[in-house]
Amino acid sequence: MLNKQIITIATASFLWLAAVHIALAKKPAAGGGNHMQRGIELAQQKHFDEAAAEFTKAVEANSKDPRGYANRGTAYRQGARAAAAAGDSEGASTRYQSAMADFSKYVELAPKDAAAYIERGETQVELKQYDPALADLNKALELKPDDLTALKFRGFAELGLSQWDKAVADFTAFIQKKPDDLQSYDRRALAYRGMKNYDAAIADYTFLLSKNPNDTEALTKRGYTYSLALQYEKAIPDYQAALKVNPQDNDTFQRLQYAQSMLAKKNASPPPAASPTPRPTPEKPGLLSLMNPLYIGIAIVALIIIAVVVRLLTRGKPEGTSSMIR
């Protein structure tokens, strides 16, 4: 099931990327050209399942033409996105699996075509299959080093793998070529935040807000980044501005309360230092305190020893005689 972040990525790139392989099929292929053209028209009208059915007929007419698989895979993926947005996770999953099968067939039939790896890699990103996505997008850039689509989606895969420094490098390279792509600033800011480079992340969010001051998503993200940097006094105005545009945003309201409480705690006066408790001067031990049983026992033993020694010394001496005559 797609999460909100992946749906946002997919929606933002929808028309730009979906047209790539549909455009390939505008020259009718032998045996299936009419079905291919009809499928293109239906896809442009957002009738994705009907478009996929027409592309299936084109594939049946010419199973060796990679364009039929590419276009049908794109139609399946568009249908999966629409199903996910409508909350139909089972329908989205089924269509994504069909898209993956078609893009894998596309890779098989055109292994030197960078676009085949891009389409499969993009789909894997949306499915959160970041490791295989990264492998496909690296292959695409190996075949076509200047392909911006592959570069951008590789950045998405690197975000999914928490490879923050690599994601920053890819989004920066993309921005240098397409400085008006606002989504890339948002994704680069996320990577900077992962690196704890809060100043750089704030700079990207600030750029987005210079383009659209009422961008509530950029406001809340910048506010959150300020909070991570412990700059609560700057986070609060961002949250308040976002709530002014969307007062029902409970998550932002809770973040605002947290920032306000942390700022109050930060600004609270420290309690006065407690005076040290005077310690009584120890008394000199009295005579009685020294007369414990051990000392008494030692004294008795000493007296007994002295008595024995004296007795031994006096035993052999003659007694004095009396001067009286009896």
Protein backbone atom coordinates (compact mmCIF):
# COMPACT_ATOMS: atom_id res chain seq x y z
CA MET A 1 0.00 0.00 0.00
CA LEU A 2 1.29 3.41 -0.94
CA ASN A 3 1.89 5.88 1.84
CA LYS A 4 1.07 9.55 1.51
CA GLN A 5 4.63 10.50 0.67
CA ILE A 6 4.86 8.09 -2.28
CA ILE A 7 1.45 9.19 -3.58
CA THR A 8 2.70 12.76 -3.47
CA ILE A 9 5.79 11.79 -5.44
CA ALA A 10 3.74 9.88 -7.97
CA THR A 11 1.18 12.62 -8.41
CA ALA A 12 3.79 15.30 -8.88
CA SER A 13 5.54 13.34 -11.62
CA PHE A 14 2.44 11.86 -13.21
CA LEU A 15 1.98 13.72 -16.49
CA TRP A 16 5.67 14.44 -16.94
CA LEU A 17 6.75 10.79 -16.75
CA ALA A 18 3.69 8.95 -18.00
CA ALA A 19 3.98 10.56 -21.40
CA VAL A 20 7.45 9.16 -22.05
CA HIS A 21 6.49 5.75 -23.34
CA ILE A 22 3.07 6.69 -24.64
CA ALA A 23 4.94 9.06 -26.94
CA LEU A 24 7.04 6.15 -28.16
CA ALA A 25 3.97 4.45 -29.56
CA LYS A 26 2.58 7.34 -31.55
CA LYS A 27 4.06 5.81 -34.69
CA PRO A 28 1.70 2.85 -35.28
CA ALA A 29 3.31 -0.58 -35.10
CA ALA A 30 2.47 -3.23 -37.65
CA GLY A 31 -0.42 -5.43 -36.59
CA GLY A 32 -1.36 -3.44 -33.48
CA GLY A 33 -1.10 0.23 -34.41
CA ASN A 34 -4.79 0.99 -34.16
CA HIS A 35 -5.04 -0.55 -30.71
CA MET A 36 -1.90 1.31 -29.62
CA GLN A 37 -3.32 4.64 -30.77
CA ARG A 38 -6.66 3.96 -29.13
CA GLY A 39 -4.89 3.01 -25.90
CA ILE A 40 -2.99 6.31 -25.94
CA GLU A 41 -6.23 8.27 -26.32
CA LEU A 42 -7.90 6.40 -23.47
CA ALA A 43 -4.88 6.91 -21.21
CA GLN A 44 -4.91 10.63 -21.92
CA GLN A 45 -8.59 10.63 -20.88
CA LYS A 46 -7.57 8.80 -17.67
CA HIS A 47 -9.47 5.64 -18.60
CA PHE A 48 -6.53 3.55 -17.55
CA ASP A 49 -8.09 0.08 -17.41
CA GLU A 50 -9.62 0.52 -20.88
CA ALA A 51 -6.26 1.79 -22.13
CA ALA A 52 -4.54 -1.29 -20.72
CA ALA A 53 -7.06 -3.49 -22.54
CA GLU A 54 -6.25 -1.80 -25.84
CA PHE A 55 -2.51 -2.16 -25.25
CA THR A 56 -3.10 -5.85 -24.51
CA LYS A 57 -4.60 -6.22 -28.00
CA ALA A 58 -1.57 -4.44 -29.43
CA VAL A 59 0.75 -6.84 -27.56
CA GLU A 60 -1.21 -9.83 -28.84
CA ALA A 61 -0.82 -8.52 -32.38
CA ASN A 62 2.94 -7.99 -32.01
CA SER A 63 4.44 -9.61 -28.93
CA LYS A 64 7.98 -8.58 -29.86
CA ASP A 65 7.30 -4.84 -29.82
CA PRO A 66 8.58 -3.45 -26.46
CA ARG A 67 6.39 -0.37 -26.84
CA GLY A 68 3.22 -2.36 -26.21
CA TYR A 69 4.56 -3.58 -22.84
CA ALA A 70 5.91 -0.14 -21.99
CA ASN A 71 2.60 1.57 -22.67
CA ARG A 72 0.52 -1.09 -20.98
CA GLY A 73 2.82 -1.00 -17.93
CA THR A 74 2.41 2.77 -17.79
CA ALA A 75 -1.39 2.45 -18.00
CA TYR A 76 -1.38 -0.14 -15.21
CA ARG A 77 0.80 2.10 -13.03
CA GLN A 78 -1.46 5.11 -13.63
CA GLY A 79 -4.44 2.97 -12.71
CA ALA A 80 -2.64 1.80 -9.56
CA ARG A 81 -2.02 5.39 -8.53
CA ALA A 82 -5.65 6.29 -9.05
CA ALA A 83 -6.76 3.25 -7.05
CA ALA A 84 -4.37 4.08 -4.21
CA ALA A 85 -5.62 7.67 -4.10
CA ALA A 86 -9.19 6.33 -3.85
CA GLY A 87 -8.23 4.04 -0.96
CA ASP A 88 -8.43 0.83 -3.00
CA SER A 89 -5.22 -0.80 -1.81
CA GLU A 90 -6.04 -4.21 -3.26
CA GLY A 91 -6.76 -2.75 -6.69
CA ALA A 92 -3.58 -0.69 -6.52
CA SER A 93 -1.50 -3.74 -5.60
CA THR A 94 -2.89 -5.82 -8.47
CA ARG A 95 -2.23 -3.10 -11.03
CA TYR A 96 1.28 -2.46 -9.70
CA GLN A 97 2.17 -6.13 -10.06
CA SER A 98 0.90 -6.10 -13.64
CA ALA A 99 2.95 -2.98 -14.34
CA MET A 100 6.07 -4.63 -12.91
CA ALA A 101 5.57 -7.67 -15.14
CA ASP A 102 5.23 -5.46 -18.22
CA PHE A 103 8.29 -3.34 -17.41
CA SER A 104 10.34 -6.48 -16.79
CA LYS A 105 9.29 -7.72 -20.22
CA TYR A 106 10.26 -4.33 -21.62
CA VAL A 107 13.73 -4.72 -20.06
CA GLU A 108 13.99 -8.21 -21.54
CA LEU A 109 13.11 -7.01 -25.06
CA ALA A 110 15.16 -3.81 -24.92
CA PRO A 111 18.07 -4.36 -22.50
CA LYS A 112 20.01 -1.39 -23.92
CA ASP A 113 17.13 1.05 -23.50
CA ALA A 114 17.66 3.21 -20.39
CA ALA A 115 13.94 4.04 -20.34
CA ALA A 116 13.06 0.41 -19.58
CA TYR A 117 15.10 0.46 -16.38
CA ILE A 118 13.75 3.90 -15.47
CA GLU A 119 10.13 2.75 -15.73
CA ARG A 120 10.73 -0.36 -13.67
CA GLY A 121 12.85 1.55 -11.15
CA GLU A 122 10.19 4.23 -10.75
CA THR A 123 7.55 1.58 -10.10
CA GLN A 124 9.78 -0.12 -7.54
CA VAL A 125 10.25 3.20 -5.74
CA GLU A 126 6.49 3.55 -5.43
CA LEU A 127 6.33 0.00 -4.05
CA LYS A 128 9.12 0.83 -1.57
CA GLN A 129 11.37 -1.77 -3.17
CA TYR A 130 14.31 0.55 -2.87
CA ASP A 131 17.23 -1.84 -3.36
CA PRO A 132 16.10 -3.20 -6.75
CA ALA A 133 14.96 0.29 -7.73
CA LEU A 134 18.45 1.62 -7.04
CA ALA A 135 19.98 -1.13 -9.17
CA ASP A 136 17.67 -0.33 -12.11
CA LEU A 137 18.21 3.41 -11.88
CA ASN A 138 21.97 2.97 -11.66
CA LYS A 139 21.76 0.85 -14.81
CA ALA A 140 19.70 3.52 -16.53
CA LEU A 141 22.28 6.18 -15.68
CA GLU A 142 25.04 3.89 -16.86
CA LEU A 143 23.29 3.68 -20.24
CA LYS A 144 22.26 7.33 -20.29
CA PRO A 145 24.26 9.42 -17.76
CA ASP A 146 22.39 12.67 -18.42
CA ASP A 147 18.87 11.31 -17.88
CA LEU A 148 17.24 13.57 -15.33
CA THR A 149 14.30 11.26 -14.67
CA ALA A 150 16.65 8.46 -13.61
CA LEU A 151 18.63 10.91 -11.48
CA LYS A 152 15.57 12.16 -9.64
CA PHE A 153 14.11 8.74 -8.96
CA ARG A 154 17.47 7.47 -7.81
CA GLY A 155 17.31 10.26 -5.25
CA PHE A 156 13.92 8.92 -4.12
CA ALA A 157 15.37 5.41 -3.77
CA GLU A 158 18.32 6.77 -1.76
CA LEU A 159 15.90 8.55 0.55
CA GLY A 160 14.09 5.27 1.09
CA LEU A 161 17.40 3.63 2.02
CA SER A 162 18.41 6.54 4.31
CA GLN A 163 21.43 7.25 2.10
CA TRP A 164 21.10 10.92 2.92
CA ASP A 165 24.38 12.20 1.47
CA LYS A 166 23.82 10.43 -1.86
CA ALA A 167 20.26 11.74 -2.05
CA VAL A 168 21.50 15.29 -1.43
CA ALA A 169 24.04 14.89 -4.24
CA ASP A 170 21.45 13.59 -6.72
CA PHE A 171 18.81 16.20 -5.93
CA THR A 172 21.43 18.95 -6.06
CA ALA A 173 22.58 17.75 -9.50
CA PHE A 174 18.95 17.63 -10.62
CA ILE A 175 18.23 21.14 -9.30
CA GLN A 176 21.24 22.49 -11.17
CA LYS A 177 19.62 21.27 -14.39
CA LYS A 178 16.02 22.06 -13.43
CA PRO A 179 16.07 24.84 -10.82
CA ASP A 180 12.29 25.31 -11.02
CA ASP A 181 11.46 21.77 -9.89
CA LEU A 182 10.15 22.57 -6.43
CA GLN A 183 9.64 18.96 -5.39
CA SER A 184 13.39 18.38 -5.56
CA TYR A 185 14.00 21.14 -2.99
CA ASP A 186 11.49 19.47 -0.66
CA ARG A 187 13.14 16.04 -1.05
CA ARG A 188 16.63 17.49 -0.65
CA ALA A 189 15.50 19.23 2.53
CA LEU A 190 14.37 15.86 3.88
CA ALA A 191 17.79 14.39 3.10
CA TYR A 192 19.53 17.33 4.80
CA ARG A 193 17.32 16.78 7.83
CA GLY A 194 18.34 13.13 7.89
CA MET A 195 21.95 14.30 8.00
CA LYS A 196 21.03 16.68 10.88
CA ASN A 197 22.10 19.57 8.65
CA TYR A 198 19.15 21.62 9.84
CA ASP A 199 20.36 24.95 8.47
CA ALA A 200 20.55 23.57 4.92
CA ALA A 201 17.10 21.96 5.26
CA ILE A 202 15.63 25.23 6.54
CA ALA A 203 17.17 27.06 3.58
CA ASP A 204 15.39 24.73 1.13
CA TYR A 205 12.05 25.10 2.91
CA THR A 206 12.54 28.86 2.99
CA PHE A 207 13.11 28.83 -0.78
CA LEU A 208 9.85 26.92 -1.25
CA LEU A 209 8.02 29.46 0.92
CA SER A 210 9.48 32.31 -1.13
CA LYS A 211 7.64 30.77 -4.09
CA ASN A 212 4.44 30.14 -2.14
CA PRO A 213 4.15 31.74 1.31
CA ASN A 214 0.94 29.81 2.02
CA ASP A 215 2.46 26.39 1.38
CA THR A 216 1.25 24.74 4.58
CA GLU A 217 3.35 21.63 4.00
CA ALA A 218 6.55 23.67 3.71
CA LEU A 219 5.54 25.72 6.75
CA THR A 220 4.98 22.69 8.96
CA LYS A 221 8.15 20.99 7.72
CA ARG A 222 10.22 24.07 8.37
CA GLY A 223 8.62 24.45 11.78
CA TYR A 224 9.42 20.84 12.58
CA THR A 225 13.02 21.34 11.45
CA TYR A 226 13.31 24.41 13.67
CA SER A 227 12.05 22.27 16.56
CA LEU A 228 14.68 19.62 15.84
CA ALA A 229 17.27 22.39 15.96
CA LEU A 230 15.78 23.49 19.35
CA GLN A 231 14.81 26.84 17.82
CA TYR A 232 11.29 26.74 19.20
CA GLU A 233 10.81 30.48 18.98
CA LYS A 234 11.09 30.16 15.17
CA ALA A 235 9.03 26.98 14.91
CA ILE A 236 6.00 28.54 16.60
CA PRO A 237 5.33 31.24 13.95
CA ASP A 238 5.55 28.62 11.18
CA TYR A 239 3.02 26.38 12.88
CA GLN A 240 0.73 29.33 13.56
CA ALA A 241 0.92 30.43 9.91
CA ALA A 242 0.08 26.91 8.74
CA LEU A 243 -2.89 26.73 11.12
CA LYS A 244 -4.13 30.07 9.87
CA VAL A 245 -4.44 28.53 6.40
CA ASN A 246 -5.71 25.15 7.66
CA PRO A 247 -7.15 25.44 11.20
CA GLN A 248 -8.30 21.80 11.18
CA ASP A 249 -4.76 20.37 10.99
CA ASN A 250 -4.60 18.57 14.32
CA ASP A 251 -1.05 17.29 13.83
CA THR A 252 0.28 20.81 13.34
CA PHE A 253 -1.71 22.00 16.36
CA GLN A 254 -0.09 19.35 18.53
CA ARG A 255 3.36 20.29 17.23
CA LEU A 256 2.58 23.92 18.05
CA GLN A 257 1.65 23.00 21.62
CA TYR A 258 4.83 20.99 22.00
CA ALA A 259 7.00 23.84 20.70
CA GLN A 260 5.28 26.31 23.03
CA SER A 261 5.76 24.07 26.05
CA MET A 262 9.43 23.48 25.22
CA LEU A 263 10.03 27.19 24.71
CA ALA A 264 8.40 27.96 28.06
CA LYS A 265 10.58 25.35 29.72
CA LYS A 266 13.66 26.72 27.97
CA ASN A 267 12.90 30.28 29.09
CA ALA A 268 11.94 29.40 32.67
CA SER A 269 14.17 30.95 35.36
CA PRO A 270 16.36 28.35 37.00
CA PRO A 271 15.43 27.70 40.67
CA PRO A 272 17.70 29.36 43.27
CA ALA A 273 20.61 27.23 44.37
CA ALA A 274 19.88 25.51 47.68
CA SER A 275 22.05 26.56 50.64
CA PRO A 276 24.29 23.78 51.80
CA THR A 277 23.01 22.07 54.97
CA PRO A 278 25.47 22.72 57.87
CA ARG A 279 27.10 19.55 59.05
CA PRO A 280 27.68 19.18 62.83
CA THR A 281 31.26 19.21 64.04
CA PRO A 282 32.12 15.67 65.07
CA GLU A 283 32.64 15.27 68.83
CA LYS A 284 35.81 13.79 70.26
CA PRO A 285 35.17 10.28 71.49
CA GLY A 286 34.71 10.05 75.27
CA LEU A 287 36.29 7.53 77.58
CA LEU A 288 33.11 5.50 77.85
CA SER A 289 32.77 5.30 74.07
CA LEU A 290 36.19 3.63 73.95
CA MET A 291 35.22 1.02 76.59
CA ASN A 292 33.68 -1.44 74.25
CA PRO A 293 33.83 -5.21 74.89
CA LEU A 294 36.83 -5.69 72.61
CA TYR A 295 38.98 -3.25 74.56
CA ILE A 296 37.86 -4.75 77.88
CA GLY A 297 38.72 -8.24 76.70
CA ILE A 298 42.17 -7.15 75.54
CA ALA A 299 42.84 -5.53 78.94
CA ILE A 300 41.82 -8.67 80.86
CA VAL A 301 44.04 -10.86 78.71
CA ALA A 302 46.97 -8.49 79.26
CA LEU A 303 46.47 -8.58 83.04
CA ILE A 304 46.38 -12.39 83.06
CA ILE A 305 49.59 -12.57 81.06
CA ILE A 306 51.33 -10.17 83.46
CA ALA A 307 50.17 -12.22 86.43
CA VAL A 308 51.46 -15.46 84.91
CA VAL A 309 54.84 -13.94 84.11
CA VAL A 310 55.21 -12.59 87.66
CA ARG A 311 54.30 -15.98 89.11
CA LEU A 312 56.88 -17.73 87.01
CA LEU A 313 59.59 -15.31 88.02
CA THR A 314 58.95 -15.72 91.76
CA ARG A 315 58.37 -19.50 92.05
CA GLY A 316 62.02 -20.67 92.82
CA LYS A 317 63.04 -18.01 95.32
CA PRO A 318 63.37 -19.02 99.11
CA GLU A 319 61.05 -17.46 101.52
CA GLY A 320 62.45 -15.19 104.20
CA THR A 321 62.87 -16.72 107.73
CA SER A 322 61.38 -15.22 110.82
CA SER A 323 63.73 -13.79 113.50
CA MET A 324 61.39 -14.92 116.24
CA ILE A 325 62.45 -18.05 118.34
CA ARG A 326 59.62 -20.33 119.15
